[in-house]
Amino acid sequence: MKNRINLVTMKDITDFVAVISKVNGDVYLVDRFHKFKVNAKSQLAAMLASAEWSETYIESETDCYELVKKWIV
C-alpha cells in the first residue's frame, strides 16, 4: 500500500502515530522522490517528515487504509 498523506498539526502527528503503531509489520513514511524513508511508528520521524518534505507518503506491506484514511489526500 502506498498513499499520500497530510500531517499538518501536532495533534495529527500524535493521532497518526498512535493509530499506525497498532499495525503489524513495517510501516514507513517516504518522500515524493523516494529518497528518504523513516519509520512511521516514530513520532519524531513523523514530525521530521511533516516539517521537511513537501509531500509525504505512507508505505506498508499490509493494508492499513481504513486506519489512516482521514490523513490520506
C-alpha atoms as a PDB file:
ATOM      1  CA  MET A   1       0.000   0.000   0.000  1.00  0.00           C
ATOM      2  CA  LYS A   2       1.271   3.463  -0.859  1.00  0.00           C
ATOM      3  CA  ASN A   3      -0.784   6.627  -0.374  1.00  0.00           C
ATOM      4  CA  ARG A   4      -0.063  10.312   0.012  1.00  0.00           C
ATOM      5  CA  ILE A   5      -0.906  11.665   3.457  1.00  0.00           C
ATOM      6  CA  ASN A   6      -1.121  15.082   5.052  1.00  0.00           C
ATOM      7  CA  LEU A   7       0.056  15.627   8.631  1.00  0.00           C
ATOM      8  CA  VAL A   8      -0.365  19.311   9.470  1.00  0.00           C
ATOM      9  CA  THR A   9      -0.735  19.771  13.215  1.00  0.00           C
ATOM     10  CA  MET A  10       0.947  18.148  16.174  1.00  0.00           C
ATOM     11  CA  LYS A  11      -2.378  16.503  17.005  1.00  0.00           C
ATOM     12  CA  ASP A  12      -2.453  14.990  13.505  1.00  0.00           C
ATOM     13  CA  ILE A  13       1.004  13.542  14.056  1.00  0.00           C
ATOM     14  CA  THR A  14       0.253  12.238  17.556  1.00  0.00           C
ATOM     15  CA  ASP A  15      -3.025  10.634  16.470  1.00  0.00           C
ATOM     16  CA  PHE A  16      -1.454   9.182  13.314  1.00  0.00           C
ATOM     17  CA  VAL A  17       1.434   7.576  15.217  1.00  0.00           C
ATOM     18  CA  ALA A  18      -0.942   6.161  17.849  1.00  0.00           C
ATOM     19  CA  VAL A  19      -3.076   4.537  15.142  1.00  0.00           C
ATOM     20  CA  ILE A  20      -0.218   3.314  12.960  1.00  0.00           C
ATOM     21  CA  SER A  21       1.596   1.771  15.938  1.00  0.00           C
ATOM     22  CA  LYS A  22      -1.168  -0.843  16.083  1.00  0.00           C
ATOM     23  CA  VAL A  23      -0.366  -2.122  12.574  1.00  0.00           C
ATOM     24  CA  ASN A  24       1.584  -5.375  12.393  1.00  0.00           C
ATOM     25  CA  GLY A  25       4.697  -5.209  10.286  1.00  0.00           C
ATOM     26  CA  ASP A  26       6.770  -2.352   8.957  1.00  0.00           C
ATOM     27  CA  VAL A  27       5.193   0.960   8.023  1.00  0.00           C
ATOM     28  CA  TYR A  28       7.242   3.783   6.557  1.00  0.00           C
ATOM     29  CA  LEU A  29       6.873   7.416   5.609  1.00  0.00           C
ATOM     30  CA  VAL A  30       8.642   8.242   2.350  1.00  0.00           C
ATOM     31  CA  ASP A  31       9.171  11.470   0.474  1.00  0.00           C
ATOM     32  CA  ARG A  32       7.899  12.192  -3.022  1.00  0.00           C
ATOM     33  CA  PHE A  33      11.095  11.088  -4.741  1.00  0.00           C
ATOM     34  CA  HIS A  34      11.510   8.006  -2.538  1.00  0.00           C
ATOM     35  CA  LYS A  35      14.873   9.424  -1.493  1.00  0.00           C
ATOM     36  CA  PHE A  36      14.158   9.408   2.255  1.00  0.00           C
ATOM     37  CA  LYS A  37      12.373   6.766   4.324  1.00  0.00           C
ATOM     38  CA  VAL A  38      11.543   6.870   8.052  1.00  0.00           C
ATOM     39  CA  ASN A  39       9.666   4.670  10.498  1.00  0.00           C
ATOM     40  CA  ALA A  40       6.001   5.766  10.583  1.00  0.00           C
ATOM     41  CA  LYS A  41       5.627   4.432  14.131  1.00  0.00           C
ATOM     42  CA  SER A  42       8.040   7.068  15.436  1.00  0.00           C
ATOM     43  CA  GLN A  43       6.612  10.419  16.469  1.00  0.00           C
ATOM     44  CA  LEU A  44       9.951  12.153  15.925  1.00  0.00           C
ATOM     45  CA  ALA A  45      10.221  10.700  12.406  1.00  0.00           C
ATOM     46  CA  ALA A  46       6.664  11.772  11.584  1.00  0.00           C
ATOM     47  CA  MET A  47       7.427  15.306  12.807  1.00  0.00           C
ATOM     48  CA  LEU A  48      10.547  15.410  10.629  1.00  0.00           C
ATOM     49  CA  ALA A  49       8.639  14.215   7.566  1.00  0.00           C
ATOM     50  CA  SER A  50       5.851  16.727   8.149  1.00  0.00           C
ATOM     51  CA  ALA A  51       8.234  19.643   8.589  1.00  0.00           C
ATOM     52  CA  GLU A  52      10.800  18.896   5.891  1.00  0.00           C
ATOM     53  CA  TRP A  53       9.067  17.142   2.996  1.00  0.00           C
ATOM     54  CA  SER A  54       6.727  18.835   0.538  1.00  0.00           C
ATOM     55  CA  GLU A  55       4.831  15.560   0.037  1.00  0.00           C
ATOM     56  CA  THR A  56       4.672  12.612   2.409  1.00  0.00           C
ATOM     57  CA  TYR A  57       3.579   9.089   1.522  1.00  0.00           C
ATOM     58  CA  ILE A  58       2.776   6.126   3.725  1.00  0.00           C
ATOM     59  CA  GLU A  59       4.165   2.796   2.582  1.00  0.00           C
ATOM     60  CA  SER A  60       3.186  -0.514   4.132  1.00  0.00           C
ATOM     61  CA  GLU A  61       3.224  -4.208   3.301  1.00  0.00           C
ATOM     62  CA  THR A  62      -0.146  -4.651   4.989  1.00  0.00           C
ATOM     63  CA  ASP A  63      -3.315  -2.827   4.017  1.00  0.00           C
ATOM     64  CA  CYS A  64      -3.973  -0.160   6.648  1.00  0.00           C
ATOM     65  CA  TYR A  65      -6.110   2.166   4.526  1.00  0.00           C
ATOM     66  CA  GLU A  66      -9.104   2.052   6.879  1.00  0.00           C
ATOM     67  CA  LEU A  67      -6.923   3.138   9.808  1.00  0.00           C
ATOM     68  CA  VAL A  68      -5.321   6.106   8.045  1.00  0.00           C
ATOM     69  CA  LYS A  69      -7.979   7.235   5.585  1.00  0.00           C
ATOM     70  CA  LYS A  70      -8.589  10.522   7.402  1.00  0.00           C
ATOM     71  CA  TRP A  71      -4.998  11.615   6.651  1.00  0.00           C
ATOM     72  CA  ILE A  72      -4.962  10.460   3.027  1.00  0.00           C
ATOM     73  CA  VAL A  73      -5.001  13.256   0.460  1.00  0.00           C
END
